[in-house]
PDB file of N, CA and C in Angstrom:
ATOM      1  N   MET A   1      59.802 142.816  54.299  1.00  0.00           N
ATOM      2  CA  MET A   1      59.963 141.413  54.662  1.00  0.00           C
ATOM      3  C   MET A   1      60.005 141.278  56.181  1.00  0.00           C
ATOM      4  N   LYS A   2      59.443 140.193  56.651  1.00  0.00           N
ATOM      5  CA  LYS A   2      59.427 139.946  58.086  1.00  0.00           C
ATOM      6  C   LYS A   2      60.859 139.728  58.569  1.00  0.00           C
ATOM      7  N   ASN A   3      61.118 140.147  59.788  1.00  0.00           N
ATOM      8  CA  ASN A   3      62.498 140.004  60.270  1.00  0.00           C
ATOM      9  C   ASN A   3      62.694 138.744  61.097  1.00  0.00           C
ATOM     10  N   THR A   4      63.934 138.477  61.374  1.00  0.00           N
ATOM     11  CA  THR A   4      64.321 137.273  62.097  1.00  0.00           C
ATOM     12  C   THR A   4      63.669 137.204  63.467  1.00  0.00           C
ATOM     13  N   GLN A   5      63.501 138.337  64.132  1.00  0.00           N
ATOM     14  CA  GLN A   5      62.893 138.329  65.466  1.00  0.00           C
ATOM     15  C   GLN A   5      61.437 137.855  65.420  1.00  0.00           C
ATOM     16  N   GLN A   6      60.699 138.221  64.377  1.00  0.00           N
ATOM     17  CA  GLN A   6      59.325 137.742  64.242  1.00  0.00           C
ATOM     18  C   GLN A   6      59.299 136.227  64.052  1.00  0.00           C
ATOM     19  N   LEU A   7      60.175 135.745  63.201  1.00  0.00           N
ATOM     20  CA  LEU A   7      60.268 134.300  63.000  1.00  0.00           C
ATOM     21  C   LEU A   7      60.641 133.605  64.305  1.00  0.00           C
ATOM     22  N   PHE A   8      61.590 134.192  65.028  1.00  0.00           N
ATOM     23  CA  PHE A   8      62.033 133.608  66.298  1.00  0.00           C
ATOM     24  C   PHE A   8      60.877 133.497  67.285  1.00  0.00           C
ATOM     25  N   LYS A   9      60.095 134.560  67.424  1.00  0.00           N
ATOM     26  CA  LYS A   9      58.977 134.542  68.380  1.00  0.00           C
ATOM     27  C   LYS A   9      57.960 133.460  68.033  1.00  0.00           C
ATOM     28  N   ILE A  10      57.653 133.324  66.762  1.00  0.00           N
ATOM     29  CA  ILE A  10      56.671 132.314  66.352  1.00  0.00           C
ATOM     30  C   ILE A  10      57.230 130.912  66.552  1.00  0.00           C
ATOM     31  N   ALA A  11      58.506 130.696  66.198  1.00  0.00           N
ATOM     32  CA  ALA A  11      59.129 129.386  66.399  1.00  0.00           C
ATOM     33  C   ALA A  11      59.235 129.054  67.883  1.00  0.00           C
ATOM     34  N   GLU A  12      59.563 130.047  68.693  1.00  0.00           N
ATOM     35  CA  GLU A  12      59.689 129.818  70.137  1.00  0.00           C
ATOM     36  C   GLU A  12      58.342 129.448  70.756  1.00  0.00           C
ATOM     37  N   THR A  13      57.284 130.135  70.341  1.00  0.00           N
ATOM     38  CA  THR A  13      55.947 129.815  70.831  1.00  0.00           C
ATOM     39  C   THR A  13      55.553 128.402  70.412  1.00  0.00           C
ATOM     40  N   ALA A  14      55.818 128.065  69.157  1.00  0.00           N
ATOM     41  CA  ALA A  14      55.504 126.718  68.673  1.00  0.00           C
ATOM     42  C   ALA A  14      56.278 125.673  69.479  1.00  0.00           C
ATOM     43  N   MET A  15      57.569 125.948  69.739  1.00  0.00           N
ATOM     44  CA  MET A  15      58.393 125.014  70.509  1.00  0.00           C
ATOM     45  C   MET A  15      57.795 124.785  71.898  1.00  0.00           C
ATOM     46  N   GLN A  16      57.324 125.838  72.535  1.00  0.00           N
ATOM     47  CA  GLN A  16      56.729 125.708  73.865  1.00  0.00           C
ATOM     48  C   GLN A  16      55.500 124.801  73.844  1.00  0.00           C
ATOM     49  N   ASN A  17      54.834 124.728  72.686  1.00  0.00           N
ATOM     50  CA  ASN A  17      53.632 123.908  72.550  1.00  0.00           C
ATOM     51  C   ASN A  17      53.908 122.509  72.012  1.00  0.00           C
ATOM     52  N   ALA A  18      55.157 122.176  71.802  1.00  0.00           N
ATOM     53  CA  ALA A  18      55.510 120.859  71.248  1.00  0.00           C
ATOM     54  C   ALA A  18      54.988 119.729  72.136  1.00  0.00           C
ATOM     55  N   HIS A  19      54.696 118.618  71.503  1.00  0.00           N
ATOM     56  CA  HIS A  19      54.268 117.412  72.212  1.00  0.00           C
ATOM     57  C   HIS A  19      55.440 116.436  72.164  1.00  0.00           C
ATOM     58  N   ALA A  20      56.268 116.449  73.211  1.00  0.00           N
ATOM     59  CA  ALA A  20      57.485 115.642  73.250  1.00  0.00           C
ATOM     60  C   ALA A  20      57.603 114.880  74.574  1.00  0.00           C
ATOM     61  N   PRO A  21      56.591 114.074  74.921  1.00  0.00           N
ATOM     62  CA  PRO A  21      56.618 113.384  76.212  1.00  0.00           C
ATOM     63  C   PRO A  21      57.658 112.264  76.287  1.00  0.00           C
ATOM     64  N   TYR A  22      58.163 111.807  75.173  1.00  0.00           N
ATOM     65  CA  TYR A  22      59.084 110.675  75.171  1.00  0.00           C
ATOM     66  C   TYR A  22      60.542 111.135  75.152  1.00  0.00           C
ATOM     67  N   SER A  23      60.879 112.025  74.238  1.00  0.00           N
ATOM     68  CA  SER A  23      62.260 112.496  74.146  1.00  0.00           C
ATOM     69  C   SER A  23      62.536 113.687  75.060  1.00  0.00           C
ATOM     70  N   LYS A  24      61.490 114.407  75.423  1.00  0.00           N
ATOM     71  CA  LYS A  24      61.626 115.654  76.195  1.00  0.00           C
ATOM     72  C   LYS A  24      62.434 116.707  75.419  1.00  0.00           C
ATOM     73  N   PHE A  25      62.508 116.570  74.105  1.00  0.00           N
ATOM     74  CA  PHE A  25      63.271 117.470  73.241  1.00  0.00           C
ATOM     75  C   PHE A  25      62.295 118.211  72.340  1.00  0.00           C
ATOM     76  N   ARG A  26      62.047 119.468  72.683  1.00  0.00           N
ATOM     77  CA  ARG A  26      61.065 120.269  71.954  1.00  0.00           C
ATOM     78  C   ARG A  26      61.750 121.067  70.846  1.00  0.00           C
ATOM     79  N   VAL A  27      61.061 121.139  69.704  1.00  0.00           N
ATOM     80  CA  VAL A  27      61.572 121.872  68.550  1.00  0.00           C
ATOM     81  C   VAL A  27      60.452 122.744  67.996  1.00  0.00           C
ATOM     82  N   GLY A  28      60.821 123.942  67.561  1.00  0.00           N
ATOM     83  CA  GLY A  28      59.876 124.840  66.902  1.00  0.00           C
ATOM     84  C   GLY A  28      60.460 125.335  65.599  1.00  0.00           C
ATOM     85  N   ALA A  29      59.588 125.618  64.651  1.00  0.00           N
ATOM     86  CA  ALA A  29      60.011 126.151  63.363  1.00  0.00           C
ATOM     87  C   ALA A  29      59.038 127.243  62.940  1.00  0.00           C
ATOM     88  N   ALA A  30      59.547 128.199  62.193  1.00  0.00           N
ATOM     89  CA  ALA A  30      58.705 129.238  61.604  1.00  0.00           C
ATOM     90  C   ALA A  30      59.160 129.451  60.168  1.00  0.00           C
ATOM     91  N   VAL A  31      58.193 129.444  59.260  1.00  0.00           N
ATOM     92  CA  VAL A  31      58.445 129.605  57.836  1.00  0.00           C
ATOM     93  C   VAL A  31      57.848 130.926  57.370  1.00  0.00           C
ATOM     94  N   LEU A  32      58.657 131.741  56.705  1.00  0.00           N
ATOM     95  CA  LEU A  32      58.153 132.904  55.981  1.00  0.00           C
ATOM     96  C   LEU A  32      57.975 132.461  54.542  1.00  0.00           C
ATOM     97  N   ALA A  33      56.732 132.483  54.071  1.00  0.00           N
ATOM     98  CA  ALA A  33      56.404 131.983  52.739  1.00  0.00           C
ATOM     99  C   ALA A  33      56.382 133.103  51.705  1.00  0.00           C
ATOM    100  N   ASP A  34      56.279 132.689  50.461  1.00  0.00           N
ATOM    101  CA  ASP A  34      56.231 133.626  49.347  1.00  0.00           C
ATOM    102  C   ASP A  34      54.970 134.492  49.355  1.00  0.00           C
ATOM    103  N   ASN A  35      53.965 134.119  50.119  1.00  0.00           N
ATOM    104  CA  ASN A  35      52.749 134.931  50.231  1.00  0.00           C
ATOM    105  C   ASN A  35      52.841 135.964  51.358  1.00  0.00           C
ATOM    106  N   GLY A  36      54.010 136.048  52.003  1.00  0.00           N
ATOM    107  CA  GLY A  36      54.233 137.026  53.065  1.00  0.00           C
ATOM    108  C   GLY A  36      53.783 136.596  54.448  1.00  0.00           C
ATOM    109  N   LYS A  37      53.189 135.428  54.550  1.00  0.00           N
ATOM    110  CA  LYS A  37      52.713 134.940  55.843  1.00  0.00           C
ATOM    111  C   LYS A  37      53.778 134.101  56.534  1.00  0.00           C
ATOM    112  N   ILE A  38      53.681 134.041  57.867  1.00  0.00           N
ATOM    113  CA  ILE A  38      54.575 133.207  58.661  1.00  0.00           C
ATOM    114  C   ILE A  38      53.757 132.054  59.237  1.00  0.00           C
ATOM    115  N   TYR A  39      54.317 130.855  59.132  1.00  0.00           N
ATOM    116  CA  TYR A  39      53.667 129.647  59.622  1.00  0.00           C
ATOM    117  C   TYR A  39      54.559 128.975  60.649  1.00  0.00           C
ATOM    118  N   GLY A  40      53.984 128.617  61.781  1.00  0.00           N
ATOM    119  CA  GLY A  40      54.731 127.936  62.826  1.00  0.00           C
ATOM    120  C   GLY A  40      54.439 126.456  62.842  1.00  0.00           C
ATOM    121  N   GLY A  41      55.380 125.711  63.400  1.00  0.00           N
ATOM    122  CA  GLY A  41      55.203 124.270  63.564  1.00  0.00           C
ATOM    123  C   GLY A  41      56.035 123.786  64.736  1.00  0.00           C
ATOM    124  N   CYS A  42      55.628 122.680  65.323  1.00  0.00           N
ATOM    125  CA  CYS A  42      56.377 122.085  66.434  1.00  0.00           C
ATOM    126  C   CYS A  42      56.435 120.583  66.240  1.00  0.00           C
ATOM    127  N   ASN A  43      57.378 119.944  66.918  1.00  0.00           N
ATOM    128  CA  ASN A  43      57.426 118.491  66.838  1.00  0.00           C
ATOM    129  C   ASN A  43      56.277 117.893  67.646  1.00  0.00           C
ATOM    130  N   VAL A  44      55.736 116.825  67.106  1.00  0.00           N
ATOM    131  CA  VAL A  44      54.624 116.114  67.741  1.00  0.00           C
ATOM    132  C   VAL A  44      55.010 114.640  67.749  1.00  0.00           C
ATOM    133  N   GLU A  45      55.407 114.155  68.919  1.00  0.00           N
ATOM    134  CA  GLU A  45      55.829 112.763  69.041  1.00  0.00           C
ATOM    135  C   GLU A  45      54.631 111.835  69.157  1.00  0.00           C
ATOM    136  N   ASN A  46      54.885 110.572  68.859  1.00  0.00           N
ATOM    137  CA  ASN A  46      53.884 109.535  68.951  1.00  0.00           C
ATOM    138  C   ASN A  46      54.549 108.315  69.578  1.00  0.00           C
ATOM    139  N   ILE A  47      53.861 107.630  70.451  1.00  0.00           N
ATOM    140  CA  ILE A  47      54.440 106.471  71.118  1.00  0.00           C
ATOM    141  C   ILE A  47      54.849 105.405  70.101  1.00  0.00           C
ATOM    142  N   SER A  48      54.235 105.415  68.952  1.00  0.00           N
ATOM    143  CA  SER A  48      54.574 104.487  67.877  1.00  0.00           C
ATOM    144  C   SER A  48      55.666 105.106  67.008  1.00  0.00           C
ATOM    145  N   TYR A  49      56.848 105.261  67.628  1.00  0.00           N
ATOM    146  CA  TYR A  49      57.981 105.836  66.914  1.00  0.00           C
ATOM    147  C   TYR A  49      58.252 105.017  65.658  1.00  0.00           C
ATOM    148  N   PRO A  50      58.478 105.578  64.514  1.00  0.00           N
ATOM    149  CA  PRO A  50      58.796 106.966  64.175  1.00  0.00           C
ATOM    150  C   PRO A  50      57.626 107.732  63.561  1.00  0.00           C
ATOM    151  N   CYS A  51      56.455 107.532  64.051  1.00  0.00           N
ATOM    152  CA  CYS A  51      55.265 108.154  63.461  1.00  0.00           C
ATOM    153  C   CYS A  51      55.057 109.606  63.866  1.00  0.00           C
ATOM    154  N   GLY A  52      55.976 110.201  64.564  1.00  0.00           N
ATOM    155  CA  GLY A  52      55.845 111.601  64.953  1.00  0.00           C
ATOM    156  C   GLY A  52      56.061 112.535  63.769  1.00  0.00           C
ATOM    157  N   THR A  53      55.938 113.815  64.042  1.00  0.00           N
ATOM    158  CA  THR A  53      56.114 114.836  63.021  1.00  0.00           C
ATOM    159  C   THR A  53      57.138 115.850  63.490  1.00  0.00           C
ATOM    160  N   CYS A  54      58.055 116.192  62.618  1.00  0.00           N
ATOM    161  CA  CYS A  54      59.057 117.219  62.924  1.00  0.00           C
ATOM    162  C   CYS A  54      58.431 118.609  62.828  1.00  0.00           C
ATOM    163  N   ALA A  55      59.020 119.550  63.528  1.00  0.00           N
ATOM    164  CA  ALA A  55      58.530 120.931  63.518  1.00  0.00           C
ATOM    165  C   ALA A  55      58.545 121.525  62.114  1.00  0.00           C
ATOM    166  N   GLU A  56      59.613 121.268  61.385  1.00  0.00           N
ATOM    167  CA  GLU A  56      59.734 121.810  60.027  1.00  0.00           C
ATOM    168  C   GLU A  56      58.628 121.271  59.127  1.00  0.00           C
ATOM    169  N   ALA A  57      58.349 119.972  59.248  1.00  0.00           N
ATOM    170  CA  ALA A  57      57.305 119.357  58.437  1.00  0.00           C
ATOM    171  C   ALA A  57      55.940 119.967  58.743  1.00  0.00           C
ATOM    172  N   GLY A  58      55.675 120.210  60.019  1.00  0.00           N
ATOM    173  CA  GLY A  58      54.401 120.828  60.401  1.00  0.00           C
ATOM    174  C   GLY A  58      54.244 122.232  59.852  1.00  0.00           C
ATOM    175  N   ALA A  59      55.302 123.029  59.943  1.00  0.00           N
ATOM    176  CA  ALA A  59      55.240 124.399  59.438  1.00  0.00           C
ATOM    177  C   ALA A  59      55.077 124.416  57.919  1.00  0.00           C
ATOM    178  N   ILE A  60      55.797 123.542  57.233  1.00  0.00           N
ATOM    179  CA  ILE A  60      55.697 123.480  55.767  1.00  0.00           C
ATOM    180  C   ILE A  60      54.316 123.006  55.343  1.00  0.00           C
ATOM    181  N   ALA A  61      53.769 122.007  56.019  1.00  0.00           N
ATOM    182  CA  ALA A  61      52.435 121.514  55.681  1.00  0.00           C
ATOM    183  C   ALA A  61      51.380 122.598  55.865  1.00  0.00           C
ATOM    184  N   THR A  62      51.503 123.379  56.924  1.00  0.00           N
ATOM    185  CA  THR A  62      50.551 124.472  57.160  1.00  0.00           C
ATOM    186  C   THR A  62      50.681 125.534  56.067  1.00  0.00           C
ATOM    187  N   MET A  63      51.914 125.829  55.669  1.00  0.00           N
ATOM    188  CA  MET A  63      52.153 126.783  54.586  1.00  0.00           C
ATOM    189  C   MET A  63      51.461 126.313  53.311  1.00  0.00           C
ATOM    190  N   VAL A  64      51.673 125.063  52.948  1.00  0.00           N
ATOM    191  CA  VAL A  64      51.100 124.526  51.720  1.00  0.00           C
ATOM    192  C   VAL A  64      49.569 124.525  51.793  1.00  0.00           C
ATOM    193  N   ALA A  65      49.024 124.129  52.936  1.00  0.00           N
ATOM    194  CA  ALA A  65      47.568 124.098  53.094  1.00  0.00           C
ATOM    195  C   ALA A  65      46.943 125.481  52.922  1.00  0.00           C
ATOM    196  N   ASP A  66      47.708 126.528  53.239  1.00  0.00           N
ATOM    197  CA  ASP A  66      47.203 127.897  53.120  1.00  0.00           C
ATOM    198  C   ASP A  66      47.546 128.535  51.768  1.00  0.00           C
ATOM    199  N   GLY A  67      48.183 127.783  50.884  1.00  0.00           N
ATOM    200  CA  GLY A  67      48.464 128.297  49.546  1.00  0.00           C
ATOM    201  C   GLY A  67      49.881 128.779  49.315  1.00  0.00           C
ATOM    202  N   GLY A  68      50.721 128.770  50.352  1.00  0.00           N
ATOM    203  CA  GLY A  68      52.123 129.140  50.156  1.00  0.00           C
ATOM    204  C   GLY A  68      52.835 128.078  49.348  1.00  0.00           C
ATOM    205  N   ARG A  69      53.771 128.493  48.504  1.00  0.00           N
ATOM    206  CA  ARG A  69      54.464 127.535  47.647  1.00  0.00           C
ATOM    207  C   ARG A  69      55.978 127.568  47.769  1.00  0.00           C
ATOM    208  N   LYS A  70      56.530 128.642  48.285  1.00  0.00           N
ATOM    209  CA  LYS A  70      57.977 128.756  48.420  1.00  0.00           C
ATOM    210  C   LYS A  70      58.343 129.278  49.796  1.00  0.00           C
ATOM    211  N   ILE A  71      59.428 128.740  50.340  1.00  0.00           N
ATOM    212  CA  ILE A  71      59.965 129.219  51.613  1.00  0.00           C
ATOM    213  C   ILE A  71      60.958 130.327  51.308  1.00  0.00           C
ATOM    214  N   LYS A  72      60.707 131.499  51.860  1.00  0.00           N
ATOM    215  CA  LYS A  72      61.665 132.601  51.772  1.00  0.00           C
ATOM    216  C   LYS A  72      62.706 132.469  52.880  1.00  0.00           C
ATOM    217  N   GLN A  73      62.215 132.176  54.096  1.00  0.00           N
ATOM    218  CA  GLN A  73      63.080 131.966  55.255  1.00  0.00           C
ATOM    219  C   GLN A  73      62.450 130.907  56.138  1.00  0.00           C
ATOM    220  N   ILE A  74      63.303 130.173  56.834  1.00  0.00           N
ATOM    221  CA  ILE A  74      62.829 129.251  57.861  1.00  0.00           C
ATOM    222  C   ILE A  74      63.777 129.358  59.044  1.00  0.00           C
ATOM    223  N   LEU A  75      63.213 129.449  60.233  1.00  0.00           N
ATOM    224  CA  LEU A  75      63.988 129.518  61.463  1.00  0.00           C
ATOM    225  C   LEU A  75      63.620 128.314  62.316  1.00  0.00           C
ATOM    226  N   ILE A  76      64.639 127.655  62.872  1.00  0.00           N
ATOM    227  CA  ILE A  76      64.425 126.454  63.674  1.00  0.00           C
ATOM    228  C   ILE A  76      65.103 126.633  65.025  1.00  0.00           C
ATOM    229  N   ILE A  77      64.365 126.301  66.080  1.00  0.00           N
ATOM    230  CA  ILE A  77      64.845 126.462  67.454  1.00  0.00           C
ATOM    231  C   ILE A  77      64.528 125.196  68.236  1.00  0.00           C
ATOM    232  N   SER A  78      65.351 124.909  69.230  1.00  0.00           N
ATOM    233  CA  SER A  78      65.051 123.798  70.133  1.00  0.00           C
ATOM    234  C   SER A  78      65.394 124.220  71.557  1.00  0.00           C
ATOM    235  N   ASP A  79      65.020 123.376  72.504  1.00  0.00           N
ATOM    236  CA  ASP A  79      65.395 123.666  73.888  1.00  0.00           C
ATOM    237  C   ASP A  79      66.651 122.890  74.283  1.00  0.00           C
ATOM    238  N   GLY A  80      67.406 122.425  73.273  1.00  0.00           N
ATOM    239  CA  GLY A  80      68.665 121.733  73.522  1.00  0.00           C
ATOM    240  C   GLY A  80      69.791 122.711  73.831  1.00  0.00           C
ATOM    241  N   LYS A  81      70.945 122.163  74.149  1.00  0.00           N
ATOM    242  CA  LYS A  81      72.094 122.979  74.537  1.00  0.00           C
ATOM    243  C   LYS A  81      72.916 123.483  73.358  1.00  0.00           C
ATOM    244  N   SER A  82      72.766 122.877  72.184  1.00  0.00           N
ATOM    245  CA  SER A  82      73.553 123.306  71.031  1.00  0.00           C
ATOM    246  C   SER A  82      72.633 123.605  69.851  1.00  0.00           C
ATOM    247  N   MET A  83      73.235 124.144  68.805  1.00  0.00           N
ATOM    248  CA  MET A  83      72.478 124.496  67.614  1.00  0.00           C
ATOM    249  C   MET A  83      71.824 123.237  67.041  1.00  0.00           C
ATOM    250  N   ILE A  84      70.572 123.351  66.689  1.00  0.00           N
ATOM    251  CA  ILE A  84      69.866 122.235  66.079  1.00  0.00           C
ATOM    252  C   ILE A  84      69.961 122.370  64.565  1.00  0.00           C
ATOM    253  N   THR A  85      70.075 121.235  63.896  1.00  0.00           N
ATOM    254  CA  THR A  85      69.980 121.211  62.442  1.00  0.00           C
ATOM    255  C   THR A  85      68.835 120.281  62.066  1.00  0.00           C
ATOM    256  N   PRO A  86      68.176 120.553  60.957  1.00  0.00           N
ATOM    257  CA  PRO A  86      67.077 119.677  60.544  1.00  0.00           C
ATOM    258  C   PRO A  86      67.574 118.276  60.230  1.00  0.00           C
ATOM    259  N   CYS A  87      66.714 117.286  60.418  1.00  0.00           N
ATOM    260  CA  CYS A  87      67.047 115.916  60.041  1.00  0.00           C
ATOM    261  C   CYS A  87      67.123 115.844  58.511  1.00  0.00           C
ATOM    262  N   GLY A  88      67.616 114.748  58.003  1.00  0.00           N
ATOM    263  CA  GLY A  88      67.748 114.588  56.556  1.00  0.00           C
ATOM    264  C   GLY A  88      66.427 114.711  55.818  1.00  0.00           C
ATOM    265  N   ALA A  89      65.379 114.105  56.359  1.00  0.00           N
ATOM    266  CA  ALA A  89      64.065 114.173  55.708  1.00  0.00           C
ATOM    267  C   ALA A  89      63.562 115.614  55.653  1.00  0.00           C
ATOM    268  N   CYS A  90      63.772 116.368  56.722  1.00  0.00           N
ATOM    269  CA  CYS A  90      63.316 117.760  56.730  1.00  0.00           C
ATOM    270  C   CYS A  90      64.175 118.638  55.824  1.00  0.00           C
ATOM    271  N   LEU A  91      65.463 118.331  55.736  1.00  0.00           N
ATOM    272  CA  LEU A  91      66.289 119.080  54.779  1.00  0.00           C
ATOM    273  C   LEU A  91      65.753 118.885  53.368  1.00  0.00           C
ATOM    274  N   GLN A  92      65.362 117.662  53.040  1.00  0.00           N
ATOM    275  CA  GLN A  92      64.796 117.422  51.713  1.00  0.00           C
ATOM    276  C   GLN A  92      63.448 118.126  51.558  1.00  0.00           C
ATOM    277  N   ARG A  93      62.645 118.169  52.628  1.00  0.00           N
ATOM    278  CA  ARG A  93      61.378 118.916  52.570  1.00  0.00           C
ATOM    279  C   ARG A  93      61.633 120.398  52.320  1.00  0.00           C
ATOM    280  N   ILE A  94      62.589 120.950  53.050  1.00  0.00           N
ATOM    281  CA  ILE A  94      62.927 122.368  52.867  1.00  0.00           C
ATOM    282  C   ILE A  94      63.395 122.600  51.434  1.00  0.00           C
ATOM    283  N   LYS A  95      64.231 121.721  50.923  1.00  0.00           N
ATOM    284  CA  LYS A  95      64.739 121.830  49.552  1.00  0.00           C
ATOM    285  C   LYS A  95      63.595 121.879  48.551  1.00  0.00           C
ATOM    286  N   GLU A  96      62.593 121.044  48.764  1.00  0.00           N
ATOM    287  CA  GLU A  96      61.450 120.961  47.845  1.00  0.00           C
ATOM    288  C   GLU A  96      60.749 122.308  47.667  1.00  0.00           C
ATOM    289  N   PHE A  97      60.754 123.128  48.708  1.00  0.00           N
ATOM    290  CA  PHE A  97      60.036 124.399  48.679  1.00  0.00           C
ATOM    291  C   PHE A  97      60.970 125.606  48.718  1.00  0.00           C
ATOM    292  N   SER A  98      62.238 125.389  48.412  1.00  0.00           N
ATOM    293  CA  SER A  98      63.238 126.457  48.482  1.00  0.00           C
ATOM    294  C   SER A  98      63.755 126.824  47.098  1.00  0.00           C
ATOM    295  N   ASP A  99      64.476 127.924  47.064  1.00  0.00           N
ATOM    296  CA  ASP A  99      65.289 128.254  45.906  1.00  0.00           C
ATOM    297  C   ASP A  99      66.657 128.681  46.435  1.00  0.00           C
ATOM    298  N   LYS A 100      67.526 129.111  45.566  1.00  0.00           N
ATOM    299  CA  LYS A 100      68.897 129.425  45.993  1.00  0.00           C
ATOM    300  C   LYS A 100      68.973 130.591  46.960  1.00  0.00           C
ATOM    301  N   ASN A 101      67.916 131.390  47.071  1.00  0.00           N
ATOM    302  CA  ASN A 101      67.906 132.540  47.973  1.00  0.00           C
ATOM    303  C   ASN A 101      67.259 132.273  49.322  1.00  0.00           C
ATOM    304  N   THR A 102      66.694 131.089  49.514  1.00  0.00           N
ATOM    305  CA  THR A 102      66.032 130.759  50.773  1.00  0.00           C
ATOM    306  C   THR A 102      67.040 130.797  51.919  1.00  0.00           C
ATOM    307  N   LYS A 103      66.675 131.493  52.980  1.00  0.00           N
ATOM    308  CA  LYS A 103      67.529 131.585  54.169  1.00  0.00           C
ATOM    309  C   LYS A 103      67.069 130.566  55.207  1.00  0.00           C
ATOM    310  N   ILE A 104      68.019 129.800  55.717  1.00  0.00           N
ATOM    311  CA  ILE A 104      67.754 128.851  56.792  1.00  0.00           C
ATOM    312  C   ILE A 104      68.494 129.373  58.012  1.00  0.00           C
ATOM    313  N   ILE A 105      67.730 129.669  59.054  1.00  0.00           N
ATOM    314  CA  ILE A 105      68.299 130.261  60.265  1.00  0.00           C
ATOM    315  C   ILE A 105      68.174 129.243  61.393  1.00  0.00           C
ATOM    316  N   LEU A 106      69.309 128.847  61.937  1.00  0.00           N
ATOM    317  CA  LEU A 106      69.342 127.893  63.042  1.00  0.00           C
ATOM    318  C   LEU A 106      69.790 128.627  64.290  1.00  0.00           C
ATOM    319  N   THR A 107      69.252 128.247  65.432  1.00  0.00           N
ATOM    320  CA  THR A 107      69.585 128.921  66.681  1.00  0.00           C
ATOM    321  C   THR A 107      70.306 127.964  67.622  1.00  0.00           C
ATOM    322  N   ASP A 108      71.013 128.555  68.571  1.00  0.00           N
ATOM    323  CA  ASP A 108      71.690 127.754  69.588  1.00  0.00           C
ATOM    324  C   ASP A 108      71.159 128.143  70.967  1.00  0.00           C
ATOM    325  N   ALA A 109      71.723 127.557  71.993  1.00  0.00           N
ATOM    326  CA  ALA A 109      71.246 127.789  73.360  1.00  0.00           C
ATOM    327  C   ALA A 109      71.383 129.244  73.785  1.00  0.00           C
ATOM    328  N   ASP A 110      72.325 129.973  73.202  1.00  0.00           N
ATOM    329  CA  ASP A 110      72.516 131.392  73.511  1.00  0.00           C
ATOM    330  C   ASP A 110      71.632 132.289  72.659  1.00  0.00           C
ATOM    331  N   LYS A 111      70.747 131.666  71.871  1.00  0.00           N
ATOM    332  CA  LYS A 111      69.837 132.373  70.973  1.00  0.00           C
ATOM    333  C   LYS A 111      70.587 133.206  69.936  1.00  0.00           C
ATOM    334  N   LYS A 112      71.732 132.700  69.511  1.00  0.00           N
ATOM    335  CA  LYS A 112      72.466 133.305  68.400  1.00  0.00           C
ATOM    336  C   LYS A 112      71.942 132.690  67.119  1.00  0.00           C
ATOM    337  N   PHE A 113      71.907 133.497  66.068  1.00  0.00           N
ATOM    338  CA  PHE A 113      71.395 133.051  64.779  1.00  0.00           C
ATOM    339  C   PHE A 113      72.545 132.646  63.871  1.00  0.00           C
ATOM    340  N   HIS A 114      72.407 131.492  63.251  1.00  0.00           N
ATOM    341  CA  HIS A 114      73.380 130.973  62.304  1.00  0.00           C
ATOM    342  C   HIS A 114      72.663 130.830  60.960  1.00  0.00           C
ATOM    343  N   HIS A 115      73.171 131.490  59.930  1.00  0.00           N
ATOM    344  CA  HIS A 115      72.496 131.564  58.636  1.00  0.00           C
ATOM    345  C   HIS A 115      73.132 130.605  57.629  1.00  0.00           C
ATOM    346  N   PHE A 116      72.268 129.887  56.903  1.00  0.00           N
ATOM    347  CA  PHE A 116      72.710 128.919  55.907  1.00  0.00           C
ATOM    348  C   PHE A 116      71.831 129.004  54.672  1.00  0.00           C
ATOM    349  N   ARG A 117      72.303 128.400  53.611  1.00  0.00           N
ATOM    350  CA  ARG A 117      71.520 128.119  52.409  1.00  0.00           C
ATOM    351  C   ARG A 117      71.330 126.604  52.383  1.00  0.00           C
ATOM    352  N   ILE A 118      70.296 126.140  51.683  1.00  0.00           N
ATOM    353  CA  ILE A 118      70.030 124.706  51.637  1.00  0.00           C
ATOM    354  C   ILE A 118      71.203 123.951  51.022  1.00  0.00           C
ATOM    355  N   SER A 119      71.896 124.554  50.079  1.00  0.00           N
ATOM    356  CA  SER A 119      73.030 123.878  49.432  1.00  0.00           C
ATOM    357  C   SER A 119      74.176 123.615  50.406  1.00  0.00           C
ATOM    358  N   GLU A 120      74.250 124.387  51.476  1.00  0.00           N
ATOM    359  CA  GLU A 120      75.286 124.161  52.493  1.00  0.00           C
ATOM    360  C   GLU A 120      74.918 123.004  53.419  1.00  0.00           C
ATOM    361  N   LEU A 121      73.640 122.858  53.708  1.00  0.00           N
ATOM    362  CA  LEU A 121      73.185 121.825  54.638  1.00  0.00           C
ATOM    363  C   LEU A 121      72.850 120.508  53.944  1.00  0.00           C
ATOM    364  N   LEU A 122      72.514 120.578  52.662  1.00  0.00           N
ATOM    365  CA  LEU A 122      72.145 119.390  51.894  1.00  0.00           C
ATOM    366  C   LEU A 122      72.758 119.501  50.496  1.00  0.00           C
ATOM    367  N   PRO A 123      74.070 119.341  50.414  1.00  0.00           N
ATOM    368  CA  PRO A 123      74.747 119.589  49.133  1.00  0.00           C
ATOM    369  C   PRO A 123      74.394 118.592  48.026  1.00  0.00           C
ATOM    370  N   GLN A 124      73.965 117.409  48.358  1.00  0.00           N
ATOM    371  CA  GLN A 124      73.643 116.392  47.340  1.00  0.00           C
ATOM    372  C   GLN A 124      72.156 116.036  47.385  1.00  0.00           C
ATOM    373  N   ALA A 125      71.314 117.044  47.361  1.00  0.00           N
ATOM    374  CA  ALA A 125      69.869 116.842  47.470  1.00  0.00           C
ATOM    375  C   ALA A 125      69.311 116.095  46.253  1.00  0.00           C
ATOM    376  N   PHE A 126      68.206 115.379  46.488  1.00  0.00           N
ATOM    377  CA  PHE A 126      67.473 114.795  45.368  1.00  0.00           C
ATOM    378  C   PHE A 126      66.941 115.932  44.532  1.00  0.00           C
ATOM    379  N   GLU A 127      66.996 115.786  43.230  1.00  0.00           N
ATOM    380  CA  GLU A 127      66.462 116.776  42.304  1.00  0.00           C
ATOM    381  C   GLU A 127      65.378 116.115  41.465  1.00  0.00           C
ATOM    382  N   GLU A 128      64.621 116.932  40.752  1.00  0.00           N
ATOM    383  CA  GLU A 128      63.610 116.396  39.850  1.00  0.00           C
ATOM    384  C   GLU A 128      64.292 115.610  38.737  1.00  0.00           C
ATOM    385  N   PHE A 129      63.606 114.600  38.246  1.00  0.00           N
ATOM    386  CA  PHE A 129      64.160 113.793  37.152  1.00  0.00           C
ATOM    387  C   PHE A 129      63.925 114.460  35.839  1.00  0.00           C
TER     388      PHE A 129
END
């Protein structure tokens, strides 16, 4: 299995490429999928807020487009001063492609890794009917 450092490098590279001219807040994400591949994503802002795209959404969309169906791990990084957490919509996106073993790794300004499960970050997620 790919390690956290590989995910970090891909998320960091994606973050550097983010399009954030309005907020100046860059975010990167890297997803390790069930097919063994890693997919990166970055936030892409749009002047017509809220039409931008979150980093997590971009990475998940790329995973799905390439045939990945489950997130094994996802790492999220930002250039902010504190640990970033996904927005509510992205938590639900992550939930959609996760299982109870999916690792969510969030980073802080000191590049320390904080490990979570989706049930910890989104305890009352929407479920299938």
